[in-house]
Amino acid sequence: MTDSLTKRLVIAILGWTVALLLFFPIFWMVLTSFKSETDAITARLAFAPTLAAYGEVFARANYLAFALNSVVISVGGSVLALAFAIPAAYSMAFHPTQRTRGTLLWMLSTKMLPPVGVLVPIYLLFRTTHLLDTRTGLILIYALMNLPIVVWMLFTFYKEVPHEILEAGRMDGANTWAEVWHLLMPLTLPGVASTGLLSLILCWNEAFWSLNLTSSSAAPLTTFIASFSSPEGLFFAKLSAASTMAVAPILIFGWFSQKQLVQGLTFGAVK
């Protein structure tokens, strides 16, 4: 009994330590956003709180326009990725071939390619097709960026579904669309929802492509943050305020959807 209690105590301490280490940068960022620029360059915890940094951020940029772009692009990119990934994962999970495993590994290997390695051809392609600084362009690139992960996750969830269920549906006259929509989707809805949530978070946090493919019209909140870095130096209070305003929506969304996210990610883990 004592050994079991000690083990649980050690695990709890390690868990809280890791959680605090991960949370500390967010805490420091929020704390710095309420400082003046003079106090922001110091590590003092005692300071006079001020909203001056937030006032300057609102006065300098249209936060709501950037936030709207982030919402539209993140949701659009996630929906588009799911639209392509669901039939792809269904085909590979229930109608595999000798090349299925190799295809999955190849798709995952594309995530190892540094984005800067394909920046020039993507930029030239977007310029030719007039997709630079457009929401449509970012939706396309975000969907393609997350597609390998989305396909892999859905493939894993679909493999947990007994094939006999779909075979029974075929015997009752169900076509491929009916199998996916009326049989597979209800059974794997937690997994599909968690995959969509994860894709949404990845799209929201993506900075490389937004900084290189947009300038003003379609710029999301990641570009909004970068705009507070200037040649004169970093203004830590304003930068922290802008960062807090950018991450707050997705943090709040993640907090309220954490139950669904964990439930979906553990879908099929315990039979």
C-alpha atoms as a PDB file:
ATOM      1  CA  MET A   1       0.000   0.000   0.000  1.00  0.00           C
ATOM      2  CA  THR A   2       2.847   2.349   0.869  1.00  0.00           C
ATOM      3  CA  ASP A   3       4.683   1.605  -2.380  1.00  0.00           C
ATOM      4  CA  SER A   4       1.509   2.241  -4.358  1.00  0.00           C
ATOM      5  CA  LEU A   5       0.927   5.553  -2.577  1.00  0.00           C
ATOM      6  CA  THR A   6       4.548   6.604  -3.154  1.00  0.00           C
ATOM      7  CA  LYS A   7       4.290   5.726  -6.830  1.00  0.00           C
ATOM      8  CA  ARG A   8       1.116   7.797  -7.238  1.00  0.00           C
ATOM      9  CA  LEU A   9       2.731  10.703  -5.371  1.00  0.00           C
ATOM     10  CA  VAL A  10       5.825  10.633  -7.584  1.00  0.00           C
ATOM     11  CA  ILE A  11       3.671  10.510 -10.742  1.00  0.00           C
ATOM     12  CA  ALA A  12       1.561  13.406  -9.462  1.00  0.00           C
ATOM     13  CA  ILE A  13       4.646  15.515  -8.696  1.00  0.00           C
ATOM     14  CA  LEU A  14       6.154  14.783 -12.122  1.00  0.00           C
ATOM     15  CA  GLY A  15       2.853  15.594 -13.802  1.00  0.00           C
ATOM     16  CA  TRP A  16       2.483  18.929 -12.010  1.00  0.00           C
ATOM     17  CA  THR A  17       6.135  19.779 -12.708  1.00  0.00           C
ATOM     18  CA  VAL A  18       5.737  19.192 -16.448  1.00  0.00           C
ATOM     19  CA  ALA A  19       2.420  21.092 -16.469  1.00  0.00           C
ATOM     20  CA  LEU A  20       3.949  24.107 -14.694  1.00  0.00           C
ATOM     21  CA  LEU A  21       6.955  24.138 -17.018  1.00  0.00           C
ATOM     22  CA  LEU A  22       4.656  24.145 -20.038  1.00  0.00           C
ATOM     23  CA  PHE A  23       2.367  26.783 -18.538  1.00  0.00           C
ATOM     24  CA  PHE A  24       5.093  29.165 -17.352  1.00  0.00           C
ATOM     25  CA  PRO A  25       5.828  30.785 -20.779  1.00  0.00           C
ATOM     26  CA  ILE A  26       2.108  31.536 -21.195  1.00  0.00           C
ATOM     27  CA  PHE A  27       1.927  32.943 -17.666  1.00  0.00           C
ATOM     28  CA  TRP A  28       4.991  35.128 -18.268  1.00  0.00           C
ATOM     29  CA  MET A  29       3.622  36.361 -21.582  1.00  0.00           C
ATOM     30  CA  VAL A  30       0.303  37.396 -20.015  1.00  0.00           C
ATOM     31  CA  LEU A  31       2.099  38.979 -17.058  1.00  0.00           C
ATOM     32  CA  THR A  32       4.410  40.970 -19.348  1.00  0.00           C
ATOM     33  CA  SER A  33       1.450  42.255 -21.356  1.00  0.00           C
ATOM     34  CA  PHE A  34       0.305  44.215 -18.290  1.00  0.00           C
ATOM     35  CA  LYS A  35       3.681  45.899 -17.816  1.00  0.00           C
ATOM     36  CA  SER A  36       5.064  49.102 -19.218  1.00  0.00           C
ATOM     37  CA  GLU A  37       7.900  48.792 -21.725  1.00  0.00           C
ATOM     38  CA  THR A  38      10.366  49.786 -19.012  1.00  0.00           C
ATOM     39  CA  ASP A  39       9.126  47.082 -16.627  1.00  0.00           C
ATOM     40  CA  ALA A  40       8.846  44.528 -19.432  1.00  0.00           C
ATOM     41  CA  ILE A  41      12.615  44.291 -19.914  1.00  0.00           C
ATOM     42  CA  THR A  42      13.042  43.336 -16.269  1.00  0.00           C
ATOM     43  CA  ALA A  43      12.138  40.094 -14.523  1.00  0.00           C
ATOM     44  CA  ARG A  44      10.433  41.757 -11.584  1.00  0.00           C
ATOM     45  CA  LEU A  45       7.141  40.332 -10.396  1.00  0.00           C
ATOM     46  CA  ALA A  46       6.256  43.526  -8.528  1.00  0.00           C
ATOM     47  CA  PHE A  47       5.080  46.242 -10.906  1.00  0.00           C
ATOM     48  CA  ALA A  48       2.199  48.621 -11.466  1.00  0.00           C
ATOM     49  CA  PRO A  49      -0.267  46.912 -13.864  1.00  0.00           C
ATOM     50  CA  THR A  50      -1.280  48.909 -16.897  1.00  0.00           C
ATOM     51  CA  LEU A  51      -3.384  48.374 -20.026  1.00  0.00           C
ATOM     52  CA  ALA A  52      -1.253  50.751 -22.071  1.00  0.00           C
ATOM     53  CA  ALA A  53       0.193  47.958 -24.207  1.00  0.00           C
ATOM     54  CA  TYR A  54      -3.279  46.685 -25.118  1.00  0.00           C
ATOM     55  CA  GLY A  55      -4.410  50.219 -25.934  1.00  0.00           C
ATOM     56  CA  GLU A  56      -1.461  50.720 -28.277  1.00  0.00           C
ATOM     57  CA  VAL A  57      -2.066  47.347 -29.942  1.00  0.00           C
ATOM     58  CA  PHE A  58      -5.727  48.173 -30.633  1.00  0.00           C
ATOM     59  CA  ALA A  59      -4.786  51.634 -31.878  1.00  0.00           C
ATOM     60  CA  ARG A  60      -2.133  50.313 -34.240  1.00  0.00           C
ATOM     61  CA  ALA A  61      -3.941  47.362 -35.861  1.00  0.00           C
ATOM     62  CA  ASN A  62      -7.450  46.106 -36.568  1.00  0.00           C
ATOM     63  CA  TYR A  63      -7.441  43.067 -34.297  1.00  0.00           C
ATOM     64  CA  LEU A  64     -10.923  41.881 -35.303  1.00  0.00           C
ATOM     65  CA  ALA A  65      -9.958  41.732 -38.998  1.00  0.00           C
ATOM     66  CA  PHE A  66      -6.937  39.554 -38.220  1.00  0.00           C
ATOM     67  CA  ALA A  67      -9.021  37.365 -35.886  1.00  0.00           C
ATOM     68  CA  LEU A  68     -11.717  36.901 -38.531  1.00  0.00           C
ATOM     69  CA  ASN A  69      -9.081  35.853 -41.059  1.00  0.00           C
ATOM     70  CA  SER A  70      -7.710  33.310 -38.575  1.00  0.00           C
ATOM     71  CA  VAL A  71     -11.164  31.840 -37.940  1.00  0.00           C
ATOM     72  CA  VAL A  72     -12.079  31.596 -41.629  1.00  0.00           C
ATOM     73  CA  ILE A  73      -8.703  30.182 -42.695  1.00  0.00           C
ATOM     74  CA  SER A  74      -8.404  27.697 -39.804  1.00  0.00           C
ATOM     75  CA  VAL A  75     -11.947  26.383 -40.138  1.00  0.00           C
ATOM     76  CA  GLY A  76     -11.742  26.314 -43.933  1.00  0.00           C
ATOM     77  CA  GLY A  77      -8.382  24.519 -43.919  1.00  0.00           C
ATOM     78  CA  SER A  78      -9.602  21.924 -41.402  1.00  0.00           C
ATOM     79  CA  VAL A  79     -12.867  21.246 -43.258  1.00  0.00           C
ATOM     80  CA  LEU A  80     -11.038  20.914 -46.586  1.00  0.00           C
ATOM     81  CA  ALA A  81      -8.458  18.550 -45.050  1.00  0.00           C
ATOM     82  CA  LEU A  82     -11.232  16.368 -43.605  1.00  0.00           C
ATOM     83  CA  ALA A  83     -13.089  16.380 -46.926  1.00  0.00           C
ATOM     84  CA  PHE A  84     -10.056  14.830 -48.646  1.00  0.00           C
ATOM     85  CA  ALA A  85      -8.866  12.705 -45.716  1.00  0.00           C
ATOM     86  CA  ILE A  86     -12.127  10.883 -44.916  1.00  0.00           C
ATOM     87  CA  PRO A  87     -12.459   9.094 -48.283  1.00  0.00           C
ATOM     88  CA  ALA A  88      -8.683   8.506 -48.449  1.00  0.00           C
ATOM     89  CA  ALA A  89      -8.569   6.960 -44.968  1.00  0.00           C
ATOM     90  CA  TYR A  90     -11.711   4.911 -45.684  1.00  0.00           C
ATOM     91  CA  SER A  91     -10.195   3.507 -48.861  1.00  0.00           C
ATOM     92  CA  MET A  92      -6.893   2.577 -47.208  1.00  0.00           C
ATOM     93  CA  ALA A  93      -8.509   1.158 -44.064  1.00  0.00           C
ATOM     94  CA  PHE A  94     -11.200  -1.005 -45.691  1.00  0.00           C
ATOM     95  CA  HIS A  95      -9.783  -1.610 -49.177  1.00  0.00           C
ATOM     96  CA  PRO A  96      -6.011  -1.871 -48.597  1.00  0.00           C
ATOM     97  CA  THR A  97      -3.541  -2.828 -51.290  1.00  0.00           C
ATOM     98  CA  GLN A  98       0.128  -3.789 -51.240  1.00  0.00           C
ATOM     99  CA  ARG A  99       1.023  -0.110 -51.607  1.00  0.00           C
ATOM    100  CA  THR A 100      -1.180   1.164 -48.756  1.00  0.00           C
ATOM    101  CA  ARG A 101       1.492   1.049 -46.052  1.00  0.00           C
ATOM    102  CA  GLY A 102       4.075   2.613 -48.353  1.00  0.00           C
ATOM    103  CA  THR A 103       1.641   5.376 -49.287  1.00  0.00           C
ATOM    104  CA  LEU A 104       0.943   6.166 -45.635  1.00  0.00           C
ATOM    105  CA  LEU A 105       4.652   6.283 -44.813  1.00  0.00           C
ATOM    106  CA  TRP A 106       5.328   8.495 -47.838  1.00  0.00           C
ATOM    107  CA  MET A 107       2.573  10.903 -46.787  1.00  0.00           C
ATOM    108  CA  LEU A 108       4.012  11.103 -43.276  1.00  0.00           C
ATOM    109  CA  SER A 109       7.532  11.607 -44.630  1.00  0.00           C
ATOM    110  CA  THR A 110       6.406  14.826 -46.348  1.00  0.00           C
ATOM    111  CA  LYS A 111       6.048  16.374 -42.875  1.00  0.00           C
ATOM    112  CA  MET A 112       9.809  16.009 -42.460  1.00  0.00           C
ATOM    113  CA  LEU A 113      10.455  18.380 -45.367  1.00  0.00           C
ATOM    114  CA  PRO A 114      11.313  21.898 -44.144  1.00  0.00           C
ATOM    115  CA  PRO A 115       8.665  24.310 -45.467  1.00  0.00           C
ATOM    116  CA  VAL A 116      11.370  26.723 -46.582  1.00  0.00           C
ATOM    117  CA  GLY A 117      12.527  24.058 -49.048  1.00  0.00           C
ATOM    118  CA  VAL A 118       9.356  24.468 -51.111  1.00  0.00           C
ATOM    119  CA  LEU A 119       8.711  28.143 -50.413  1.00  0.00           C
ATOM    120  CA  VAL A 120       9.961  29.426 -53.785  1.00  0.00           C
ATOM    121  CA  PRO A 121       7.897  27.086 -56.022  1.00  0.00           C
ATOM    122  CA  ILE A 122       4.800  27.554 -53.841  1.00  0.00           C
ATOM    123  CA  TYR A 123       5.241  31.339 -53.917  1.00  0.00           C
ATOM    124  CA  LEU A 124       5.642  31.373 -57.702  1.00  0.00           C
ATOM    125  CA  LEU A 125       2.627  29.088 -58.126  1.00  0.00           C
ATOM    126  CA  PHE A 126       0.499  31.308 -55.882  1.00  0.00           C
ATOM    127  CA  ARG A 127       1.650  34.425 -57.719  1.00  0.00           C
ATOM    128  CA  THR A 128       0.751  32.908 -61.089  1.00  0.00           C
ATOM    129  CA  THR A 129      -2.702  31.821 -59.882  1.00  0.00           C
ATOM    130  CA  HIS A 130      -3.329  35.125 -58.021  1.00  0.00           C
ATOM    131  CA  LEU A 131      -3.621  33.384 -54.647  1.00  0.00           C
ATOM    132  CA  LEU A 132      -1.101  35.554 -52.806  1.00  0.00           C
ATOM    133  CA  ASP A 133      -2.604  37.385 -49.835  1.00  0.00           C
ATOM    134  CA  THR A 134      -5.935  35.581 -50.176  1.00  0.00           C
ATOM    135  CA  ARG A 135      -7.886  33.460 -47.728  1.00  0.00           C
ATOM    136  CA  THR A 136      -8.371  30.829 -50.425  1.00  0.00           C
ATOM    137  CA  GLY A 137      -4.628  30.443 -50.841  1.00  0.00           C
ATOM    138  CA  LEU A 138      -3.992  29.976 -47.129  1.00  0.00           C
ATOM    139  CA  ILE A 139      -6.918  27.558 -46.803  1.00  0.00           C
ATOM    140  CA  LEU A 140      -5.397  25.421 -49.559  1.00  0.00           C
ATOM    141  CA  ILE A 141      -1.872  25.445 -48.133  1.00  0.00           C
ATOM    142  CA  TYR A 142      -3.073  24.802 -44.562  1.00  0.00           C
ATOM    143  CA  ALA A 143      -5.230  21.879 -45.704  1.00  0.00           C
ATOM    144  CA  LEU A 144      -2.318  20.353 -47.636  1.00  0.00           C
ATOM    145  CA  MET A 145       0.008  20.952 -44.692  1.00  0.00           C
ATOM    146  CA  ASN A 146      -2.223  19.009 -42.269  1.00  0.00           C
ATOM    147  CA  LEU A 147      -3.499  16.376 -44.690  1.00  0.00           C
ATOM    148  CA  PRO A 148      -0.894  13.670 -43.844  1.00  0.00           C
ATOM    149  CA  ILE A 149      -1.605  13.906 -40.102  1.00  0.00           C
ATOM    150  CA  VAL A 150      -5.368  13.974 -40.643  1.00  0.00           C
ATOM    151  CA  VAL A 151      -5.259  10.922 -42.927  1.00  0.00           C
ATOM    152  CA  TRP A 152      -3.078   9.008 -40.482  1.00  0.00           C
ATOM    153  CA  MET A 153      -5.345   9.752 -37.518  1.00  0.00           C
ATOM    154  CA  LEU A 154      -8.533   8.853 -39.388  1.00  0.00           C
ATOM    155  CA  PHE A 155      -6.906   5.699 -40.773  1.00  0.00           C
ATOM    156  CA  THR A 156      -6.062   4.643 -37.196  1.00  0.00           C
ATOM    157  CA  PHE A 157      -9.628   5.269 -36.023  1.00  0.00           C
ATOM    158  CA  TYR A 158     -11.172   3.471 -39.005  1.00  0.00           C
ATOM    159  CA  LYS A 159      -8.992   0.398 -38.465  1.00  0.00           C
ATOM    160  CA  GLU A 160     -10.692  -0.057 -35.080  1.00  0.00           C
ATOM    161  CA  VAL A 161     -14.113  -0.447 -36.705  1.00  0.00           C
ATOM    162  CA  PRO A 162     -15.058  -4.114 -37.296  1.00  0.00           C
ATOM    163  CA  HIS A 163     -15.303  -4.850 -41.006  1.00  0.00           C
ATOM    164  CA  GLU A 164     -18.359  -7.003 -40.334  1.00  0.00           C
ATOM    165  CA  ILE A 165     -20.434  -3.872 -39.687  1.00  0.00           C
ATOM    166  CA  LEU A 166     -19.768  -2.507 -43.161  1.00  0.00           C
ATOM    167  CA  GLU A 167     -20.240  -5.931 -44.714  1.00  0.00           C
ATOM    168  CA  ALA A 168     -23.659  -6.147 -43.068  1.00  0.00           C
ATOM    169  CA  GLY A 169     -24.497  -2.761 -44.541  1.00  0.00           C
ATOM    170  CA  ARG A 170     -23.489  -3.938 -48.011  1.00  0.00           C
ATOM    171  CA  MET A 171     -25.706  -6.983 -47.646  1.00  0.00           C
ATOM    172  CA  ASP A 172     -28.594  -4.629 -46.902  1.00  0.00           C
ATOM    173  CA  GLY A 173     -27.877  -2.729 -50.111  1.00  0.00           C
ATOM    174  CA  ALA A 174     -25.784   0.171 -48.789  1.00  0.00           C
ATOM    175  CA  ASN A 175     -23.495   1.810 -51.332  1.00  0.00           C
ATOM    176  CA  THR A 176     -20.118   3.383 -50.556  1.00  0.00           C
ATOM    177  CA  TRP A 177     -21.625   6.769 -49.649  1.00  0.00           C
ATOM    178  CA  ALA A 178     -24.136   5.117 -47.285  1.00  0.00           C
ATOM    179  CA  GLU A 179     -21.354   3.093 -45.665  1.00  0.00           C
ATOM    180  CA  VAL A 180     -19.301   6.175 -44.932  1.00  0.00           C
ATOM    181  CA  TRP A 181     -22.104   8.543 -43.928  1.00  0.00           C
ATOM    182  CA  HIS A 182     -24.581   6.263 -42.130  1.00  0.00           C
ATOM    183  CA  LEU A 183     -22.311   3.566 -40.688  1.00  0.00           C
ATOM    184  CA  LEU A 184     -18.721   4.743 -40.411  1.00  0.00           C
ATOM    185  CA  MET A 185     -19.228   8.377 -39.408  1.00  0.00           C
ATOM    186  CA  PRO A 186     -21.531   7.693 -36.399  1.00  0.00           C
ATOM    187  CA  LEU A 187     -19.144   4.999 -35.136  1.00  0.00           C
ATOM    188  CA  THR A 188     -16.021   7.165 -35.440  1.00  0.00           C
ATOM    189  CA  LEU A 189     -17.501  10.609 -34.732  1.00  0.00           C
ATOM    190  CA  PRO A 190     -15.332  11.194 -31.589  1.00  0.00           C
ATOM    191  CA  GLY A 191     -12.216  10.402 -33.598  1.00  0.00           C
ATOM    192  CA  VAL A 192     -13.234  12.580 -36.535  1.00  0.00           C
ATOM    193  CA  ALA A 193     -14.119  15.454 -34.183  1.00  0.00           C
ATOM    194  CA  SER A 194     -10.788  15.253 -32.342  1.00  0.00           C
ATOM    195  CA  THR A 195      -8.930  15.118 -35.663  1.00  0.00           C
ATOM    196  CA  GLY A 196     -10.764  18.235 -36.824  1.00  0.00           C
ATOM    197  CA  LEU A 197      -9.998  20.008 -33.534  1.00  0.00           C
ATOM    198  CA  LEU A 198      -6.301  19.139 -33.790  1.00  0.00           C
ATOM    199  CA  SER A 199      -6.198  20.354 -37.404  1.00  0.00           C
ATOM    200  CA  LEU A 200      -7.919  23.574 -36.335  1.00  0.00           C
ATOM    201  CA  ILE A 201      -5.286  24.191 -33.650  1.00  0.00           C
ATOM    202  CA  LEU A 202      -2.431  23.479 -36.066  1.00  0.00           C
ATOM    203  CA  CYS A 203      -3.915  25.865 -38.637  1.00  0.00           C
ATOM    204  CA  TRP A 204      -4.400  28.591 -36.023  1.00  0.00           C
ATOM    205  CA  ASN A 205      -0.782  28.336 -34.861  1.00  0.00           C
ATOM    206  CA  GLU A 206       0.815  28.157 -38.320  1.00  0.00           C
ATOM    207  CA  ALA A 207       3.081  31.151 -38.902  1.00  0.00           C
ATOM    208  CA  PHE A 208       5.545  30.322 -41.678  1.00  0.00           C
ATOM    209  CA  TRP A 209       3.118  30.297 -44.598  1.00  0.00           C
ATOM    210  CA  SER A 210       1.048  33.214 -43.354  1.00  0.00           C
ATOM    211  CA  LEU A 211       4.137  35.406 -43.039  1.00  0.00           C
ATOM    212  CA  ASN A 212       5.395  34.525 -46.516  1.00  0.00           C
ATOM    213  CA  LEU A 213       2.161  34.310 -48.511  1.00  0.00           C
ATOM    214  CA  THR A 214       0.158  37.213 -47.071  1.00  0.00           C
ATOM    215  CA  SER A 215       0.693  40.884 -46.375  1.00  0.00           C
ATOM    216  CA  SER A 216      -2.534  42.586 -45.308  1.00  0.00           C
ATOM    217  CA  SER A 217      -5.846  41.452 -46.799  1.00  0.00           C
ATOM    218  CA  ALA A 218      -5.796  37.815 -45.655  1.00  0.00           C
ATOM    219  CA  ALA A 219      -3.250  38.116 -42.830  1.00  0.00           C
ATOM    220  CA  PRO A 220      -4.196  36.011 -39.748  1.00  0.00           C
ATOM    221  CA  LEU A 221      -3.229  36.579 -36.131  1.00  0.00           C
ATOM    222  CA  THR A 222       0.249  35.082 -36.583  1.00  0.00           C
ATOM    223  CA  THR A 223       1.026  37.972 -38.944  1.00  0.00           C
ATOM    224  CA  PHE A 224      -0.621  40.313 -36.452  1.00  0.00           C
ATOM    225  CA  ILE A 225       1.944  39.233 -33.815  1.00  0.00           C
ATOM    226  CA  ALA A 226       4.900  39.579 -36.176  1.00  0.00           C
ATOM    227  CA  SER A 227       3.903  43.148 -37.024  1.00  0.00           C
ATOM    228  CA  PHE A 228       4.985  44.235 -33.548  1.00  0.00           C
ATOM    229  CA  SER A 229       8.604  43.349 -34.232  1.00  0.00           C
ATOM    230  CA  SER A 230      10.323  46.337 -35.797  1.00  0.00           C
ATOM    231  CA  PRO A 231      13.873  47.246 -36.941  1.00  0.00           C
ATOM    232  CA  GLU A 232      14.115  49.522 -33.900  1.00  0.00           C
ATOM    233  CA  GLY A 233      13.885  46.501 -31.613  1.00  0.00           C
ATOM    234  CA  LEU A 234      11.391  44.344 -29.801  1.00  0.00           C
ATOM    235  CA  PHE A 235       8.762  46.085 -27.712  1.00  0.00           C
ATOM    236  CA  PHE A 236       8.132  43.301 -25.235  1.00  0.00           C
ATOM    237  CA  ALA A 237       4.999  44.689 -23.594  1.00  0.00           C
ATOM    238  CA  LYS A 238       3.191  45.336 -26.881  1.00  0.00           C
ATOM    239  CA  LEU A 239       4.474  42.064 -28.356  1.00  0.00           C
ATOM    240  CA  SER A 240       3.218  40.168 -25.294  1.00  0.00           C
ATOM    241  CA  ALA A 241      -0.149  41.935 -25.477  1.00  0.00           C
ATOM    242  CA  ALA A 242      -0.511  41.065 -29.172  1.00  0.00           C
ATOM    243  CA  SER A 243       0.519  37.464 -28.499  1.00  0.00           C
ATOM    244  CA  THR A 244      -1.949  37.152 -25.633  1.00  0.00           C
ATOM    245  CA  MET A 245      -4.762  38.470 -27.815  1.00  0.00           C
ATOM    246  CA  ALA A 246      -3.779  36.020 -30.570  1.00  0.00           C
ATOM    247  CA  VAL A 247      -3.586  32.866 -28.449  1.00  0.00           C
ATOM    248  CA  ALA A 248      -6.489  33.651 -26.107  1.00  0.00           C
ATOM    249  CA  PRO A 249      -9.268  32.498 -28.499  1.00  0.00           C
ATOM    250  CA  ILE A 250      -7.666  29.133 -29.272  1.00  0.00           C
ATOM    251  CA  LEU A 251      -6.728  28.592 -25.601  1.00  0.00           C
ATOM    252  CA  ILE A 252     -10.316  29.211 -24.528  1.00  0.00           C
ATOM    253  CA  PHE A 253     -11.609  26.999 -27.333  1.00  0.00           C
ATOM    254  CA  GLY A 254      -9.154  24.253 -26.384  1.00  0.00           C
ATOM    255  CA  TRP A 255     -10.121  24.497 -22.719  1.00  0.00           C
ATOM    256  CA  PHE A 256     -13.818  23.985 -23.432  1.00  0.00           C
ATOM    257  CA  SER A 257     -13.207  21.231 -25.999  1.00  0.00           C
ATOM    258  CA  GLN A 258     -10.502  19.332 -24.100  1.00  0.00           C
ATOM    259  CA  LYS A 259     -12.907  16.596 -23.051  1.00  0.00           C
ATOM    260  CA  GLN A 260     -13.928  15.917 -26.645  1.00  0.00           C
ATOM    261  CA  LEU A 261     -10.304  16.115 -27.795  1.00  0.00           C
ATOM    262  CA  VAL A 262      -9.057  13.582 -25.232  1.00  0.00           C
ATOM    263  CA  GLN A 263     -12.054  11.336 -25.816  1.00  0.00           C
ATOM    264  CA  GLY A 264     -11.425  11.332 -29.534  1.00  0.00           C
ATOM    265  CA  LEU A 265      -7.659  10.800 -29.278  1.00  0.00           C
ATOM    266  CA  THR A 266      -8.203   7.787 -27.014  1.00  0.00           C
ATOM    267  CA  PHE A 267     -10.978   6.418 -29.240  1.00  0.00           C
ATOM    268  CA  GLY A 268     -10.457   2.707 -29.738  1.00  0.00           C
ATOM    269  CA  ALA A 269      -7.600   2.531 -27.225  1.00  0.00           C
ATOM    270  CA  VAL A 270      -9.682   0.469 -24.790  1.00  0.00           C
ATOM    271  CA  LYS A 271     -12.054  -2.189 -26.088  1.00  0.00           C
END
